[in-house]
Amino acid sequence: MEKIVSAKNERVKKWSKLKNKKGRLNSNQYILESWHLVSEAINANQKVEVVLTTNKQYELHQNEIDAFDGEVIEITDDVSKALGSTSTPQGIFGIVELPKEDHFDSLDMNGSWLLLDQIQDPGNIGTMVRT
């Protein structure tokens, strides 16, 4: 497994640009942060190109990561902080290819929908769903 130890690494700089819309559109990729999101993308057959993980996260999810068919790179906590969008990142990321087009099957469009944008307090989501 390859290891990246510097936040000044060219690949890390490229991945850091995925935090904004322009960077995502230019590279046709996006970055996921947290094991939950990475594993959901893998299970949904998204094109996860690279999994970036600290040693601690690798030890926690070793069986699942070893079963992953793509590239896995170990990163340091400093690299994790450079890539993360939170003040204390979890230490595991996925680099995923953007889908070619949005396609929604009309059969899946039944029922109620709630669209959320820029929710400040995650606790408010439960209130909105119950309402």
C-alpha atoms as a PDB file:
ATOM      1  CA  MET A   1       0.000   0.000   0.000  1.00  0.00           C
ATOM      2  CA  GLU A   2       1.327   3.408  -0.993  1.00  0.00           C
ATOM      3  CA  LYS A   3       1.754   5.994   1.771  1.00  0.00           C
ATOM      4  CA  ILE A   4       1.516   9.792   1.450  1.00  0.00           C
ATOM      5  CA  VAL A   5       3.036  11.747   4.334  1.00  0.00           C
ATOM      6  CA  SER A   6       3.005  15.342   3.086  1.00  0.00           C
ATOM      7  CA  ALA A   7       0.071  17.682   2.530  1.00  0.00           C
ATOM      8  CA  LYS A   8       2.246  19.312  -0.159  1.00  0.00           C
ATOM      9  CA  ASN A   9       2.151  16.168  -2.298  1.00  0.00           C
ATOM     10  CA  GLU A  10       0.830  16.899  -5.825  1.00  0.00           C
ATOM     11  CA  ARG A  11      -1.951  14.331  -5.534  1.00  0.00           C
ATOM     12  CA  VAL A  12      -3.073  15.787  -2.200  1.00  0.00           C
ATOM     13  CA  LYS A  13      -3.163  19.270  -3.734  1.00  0.00           C
ATOM     14  CA  LYS A  14      -5.286  17.919  -6.587  1.00  0.00           C
ATOM     15  CA  TRP A  15      -7.672  16.154  -4.197  1.00  0.00           C
ATOM     16  CA  SER A  16      -7.954  19.270  -2.011  1.00  0.00           C
ATOM     17  CA  LYS A  17      -9.372  21.106  -5.007  1.00  0.00           C
ATOM     18  CA  LEU A  18     -12.317  18.676  -4.963  1.00  0.00           C
ATOM     19  CA  LYS A  19     -13.741  20.579  -1.998  1.00  0.00           C
ATOM     20  CA  ASN A  20     -15.107  23.270  -4.324  1.00  0.00           C
ATOM     21  CA  LYS A  21     -17.421  23.046  -7.307  1.00  0.00           C
ATOM     22  CA  LYS A  22     -14.891  24.285  -9.867  1.00  0.00           C
ATOM     23  CA  GLY A  23     -12.362  21.655  -8.795  1.00  0.00           C
ATOM     24  CA  ARG A  24     -14.960  18.890  -8.960  1.00  0.00           C
ATOM     25  CA  LEU A  25     -16.108  19.869 -12.437  1.00  0.00           C
ATOM     26  CA  ASN A  26     -12.542  20.255 -13.759  1.00  0.00           C
ATOM     27  CA  SER A  27     -11.431  16.825 -12.560  1.00  0.00           C
ATOM     28  CA  ASN A  28     -14.799  15.070 -12.953  1.00  0.00           C
ATOM     29  CA  GLN A  29     -14.418  13.692  -9.422  1.00  0.00           C
ATOM     30  CA  TYR A  30     -15.655  14.412  -5.914  1.00  0.00           C
ATOM     31  CA  ILE A  31     -14.371  13.577  -2.443  1.00  0.00           C
ATOM     32  CA  LEU A  32     -16.259  11.725   0.274  1.00  0.00           C
ATOM     33  CA  GLU A  33     -15.272  12.030   3.915  1.00  0.00           C
ATOM     34  CA  SER A  34     -16.071   9.310   6.493  1.00  0.00           C
ATOM     35  CA  TRP A  35     -16.236   5.551   6.331  1.00  0.00           C
ATOM     36  CA  HIS A  36     -20.025   5.603   6.200  1.00  0.00           C
ATOM     37  CA  LEU A  37     -20.118   7.639   2.968  1.00  0.00           C
ATOM     38  CA  VAL A  38     -17.224   5.748   1.375  1.00  0.00           C
ATOM     39  CA  SER A  39     -18.764   2.356   2.133  1.00  0.00           C
ATOM     40  CA  GLU A  40     -22.174   3.497   0.849  1.00  0.00           C
ATOM     41  CA  ALA A  41     -20.576   4.620  -2.421  1.00  0.00           C
ATOM     42  CA  ILE A  42     -18.789   1.282  -2.786  1.00  0.00           C
ATOM     43  CA  ASN A  43     -21.993  -0.650  -2.017  1.00  0.00           C
ATOM     44  CA  ALA A  44     -23.942   1.488  -4.516  1.00  0.00           C
ATOM     45  CA  ASN A  45     -21.436   0.517  -7.236  1.00  0.00           C
ATOM     46  CA  GLN A  46     -20.185   4.071  -7.655  1.00  0.00           C
ATOM     47  CA  LYS A  47     -16.801   4.430  -9.345  1.00  0.00           C
ATOM     48  CA  VAL A  48     -14.659   4.860  -6.228  1.00  0.00           C
ATOM     49  CA  GLU A  49     -11.189   5.316  -7.667  1.00  0.00           C
ATOM     50  CA  VAL A  50      -9.124   5.720  -4.501  1.00  0.00           C
ATOM     51  CA  VAL A  51      -9.650   5.164  -0.784  1.00  0.00           C
ATOM     52  CA  LEU A  52      -7.432   7.326   1.416  1.00  0.00           C
ATOM     53  CA  THR A  53      -7.113   6.185   5.011  1.00  0.00           C
ATOM     54  CA  THR A  54      -5.090   6.887   8.117  1.00  0.00           C
ATOM     55  CA  ASN A  55      -3.549   3.903   9.869  1.00  0.00           C
ATOM     56  CA  LYS A  56      -6.148   4.150  12.657  1.00  0.00           C
ATOM     57  CA  GLN A  57      -9.079   4.005  10.213  1.00  0.00           C
ATOM     58  CA  TYR A  58      -7.425   1.206   8.273  1.00  0.00           C
ATOM     59  CA  GLU A  59      -7.212  -0.887  11.440  1.00  0.00           C
ATOM     60  CA  LEU A  60     -10.905  -0.212  12.191  1.00  0.00           C
ATOM     61  CA  HIS A  61     -12.120  -1.170   8.692  1.00  0.00           C
ATOM     62  CA  GLN A  62      -9.341  -3.447   7.455  1.00  0.00           C
ATOM     63  CA  ASN A  63     -11.547  -6.287   6.191  1.00  0.00           C
ATOM     64  CA  GLU A  64     -13.788  -3.972   4.160  1.00  0.00           C
ATOM     65  CA  ILE A  65     -10.881  -1.929   2.801  1.00  0.00           C
ATOM     66  CA  ASP A  66      -8.928  -5.042   1.823  1.00  0.00           C
ATOM     67  CA  ALA A  67     -12.003  -6.285  -0.085  1.00  0.00           C
ATOM     68  CA  PHE A  68     -12.107  -2.995  -2.045  1.00  0.00           C
ATOM     69  CA  ASP A  69     -11.054  -3.507  -5.644  1.00  0.00           C
ATOM     70  CA  GLY A  70      -9.491  -0.057  -6.232  1.00  0.00           C
ATOM     71  CA  GLU A  71      -6.402   1.791  -5.071  1.00  0.00           C
ATOM     72  CA  VAL A  72      -5.892   2.236  -1.308  1.00  0.00           C
ATOM     73  CA  ILE A  73      -3.436   4.821  -0.002  1.00  0.00           C
ATOM     74  CA  GLU A  74      -2.406   5.348   3.592  1.00  0.00           C
ATOM     75  CA  ILE A  75      -2.243   8.999   4.649  1.00  0.00           C
ATOM     76  CA  THR A  76      -1.023  10.811   7.758  1.00  0.00           C
ATOM     77  CA  ASP A  77      -3.162  12.898  10.095  1.00  0.00           C
ATOM     78  CA  ASP A  78      -1.694  16.066   8.541  1.00  0.00           C
ATOM     79  CA  VAL A  79      -2.823  14.975   5.079  1.00  0.00           C
ATOM     80  CA  SER A  80      -6.224  14.078   6.532  1.00  0.00           C
ATOM     81  CA  LYS A  81      -6.572  17.599   7.950  1.00  0.00           C
ATOM     82  CA  ALA A  82      -5.617  19.094   4.569  1.00  0.00           C
ATOM     83  CA  LEU A  83      -8.266  17.020   2.772  1.00  0.00           C
ATOM     84  CA  GLY A  84     -10.997  17.208   5.388  1.00  0.00           C
ATOM     85  CA  SER A  85     -13.727  19.781   5.467  1.00  0.00           C
ATOM     86  CA  THR A  86     -14.269  19.476   9.224  1.00  0.00           C
ATOM     87  CA  SER A  87     -12.059  20.671  12.065  1.00  0.00           C
ATOM     88  CA  THR A  88     -11.435  17.077  13.187  1.00  0.00           C
ATOM     89  CA  PRO A  89     -11.664  14.806  10.126  1.00  0.00           C
ATOM     90  CA  GLN A  90     -12.301  11.102  10.629  1.00  0.00           C
ATOM     91  CA  GLY A  91      -9.289  10.128   8.541  1.00  0.00           C
ATOM     92  CA  ILE A  92     -10.867   8.212   5.692  1.00  0.00           C
ATOM     93  CA  PHE A  93     -11.806   9.552   2.258  1.00  0.00           C
ATOM     94  CA  GLY A  94     -12.976   8.280  -1.087  1.00  0.00           C
ATOM     95  CA  ILE A  95     -12.244   9.834  -4.461  1.00  0.00           C
ATOM     96  CA  VAL A  96     -15.246   9.114  -6.667  1.00  0.00           C
ATOM     97  CA  GLU A  97     -15.912   9.758 -10.347  1.00  0.00           C
ATOM     98  CA  LEU A  98     -18.807  12.122 -11.006  1.00  0.00           C
ATOM     99  CA  PRO A  99     -21.726  10.377 -12.704  1.00  0.00           C
ATOM    100  CA  LYS A 100     -22.117  11.158 -16.398  1.00  0.00           C
ATOM    101  CA  GLU A 101     -25.696  12.387 -16.064  1.00  0.00           C
ATOM    102  CA  ASP A 102     -28.470  12.534 -13.527  1.00  0.00           C
ATOM    103  CA  HIS A 103     -30.991   9.855 -14.273  1.00  0.00           C
ATOM    104  CA  PHE A 104     -34.037   9.293 -12.131  1.00  0.00           C
ATOM    105  CA  ASP A 105     -36.374   6.426 -12.788  1.00  0.00           C
ATOM    106  CA  SER A 106     -39.954   7.705 -12.677  1.00  0.00           C
ATOM    107  CA  LEU A 107     -40.911   4.578 -10.730  1.00  0.00           C
ATOM    108  CA  ASP A 108     -38.702   5.783  -7.873  1.00  0.00           C
ATOM    109  CA  MET A 109     -40.323   9.234  -7.785  1.00  0.00           C
ATOM    110  CA  ASN A 110     -43.448   8.197  -5.856  1.00  0.00           C
ATOM    111  CA  GLY A 111     -44.145   9.334  -2.319  1.00  0.00           C
ATOM    112  CA  SER A 112     -43.189  12.461  -0.426  1.00  0.00           C
ATOM    113  CA  TRP A 113     -40.005  14.412  -1.000  1.00  0.00           C
ATOM    114  CA  LEU A 114     -38.107  16.824   1.201  1.00  0.00           C
ATOM    115  CA  LEU A 115     -35.314  18.833  -0.407  1.00  0.00           C
ATOM    116  CA  LEU A 116     -32.741  20.300   1.976  1.00  0.00           C
ATOM    117  CA  ASP A 117     -30.107  22.920   1.263  1.00  0.00           C
ATOM    118  CA  GLN A 118     -27.492  24.367   3.614  1.00  0.00           C
ATOM    119  CA  ILE A 119     -28.997  23.070   6.857  1.00  0.00           C
ATOM    120  CA  GLN A 120     -27.142  24.762   9.726  1.00  0.00           C
ATOM    121  CA  ASP A 121     -28.200  22.422  12.534  1.00  0.00           C
ATOM    122  CA  PRO A 122     -28.515  18.692  11.737  1.00  0.00           C
ATOM    123  CA  GLY A 123     -31.033  18.388  14.586  1.00  0.00           C
ATOM    124  CA  ASN A 124     -33.454  20.420  12.492  1.00  0.00           C
ATOM    125  CA  ILE A 125     -33.616  17.677   9.858  1.00  0.00           C
ATOM    126  CA  GLY A 126     -35.542  15.355  12.158  1.00  0.00           C
ATOM    127  CA  THR A 127     -38.041  18.104  12.890  1.00  0.00           C
ATOM    128  CA  MET A 128     -38.537  18.760   9.175  1.00  0.00           C
ATOM    129  CA  VAL A 129     -39.025  15.075   8.396  1.00  0.00           C
ATOM    130  CA  ARG A 130     -41.596  14.677  11.215  1.00  0.00           C
ATOM    131  CA  THR A 131     -43.456  17.777  10.026  1.00  0.00           C
END
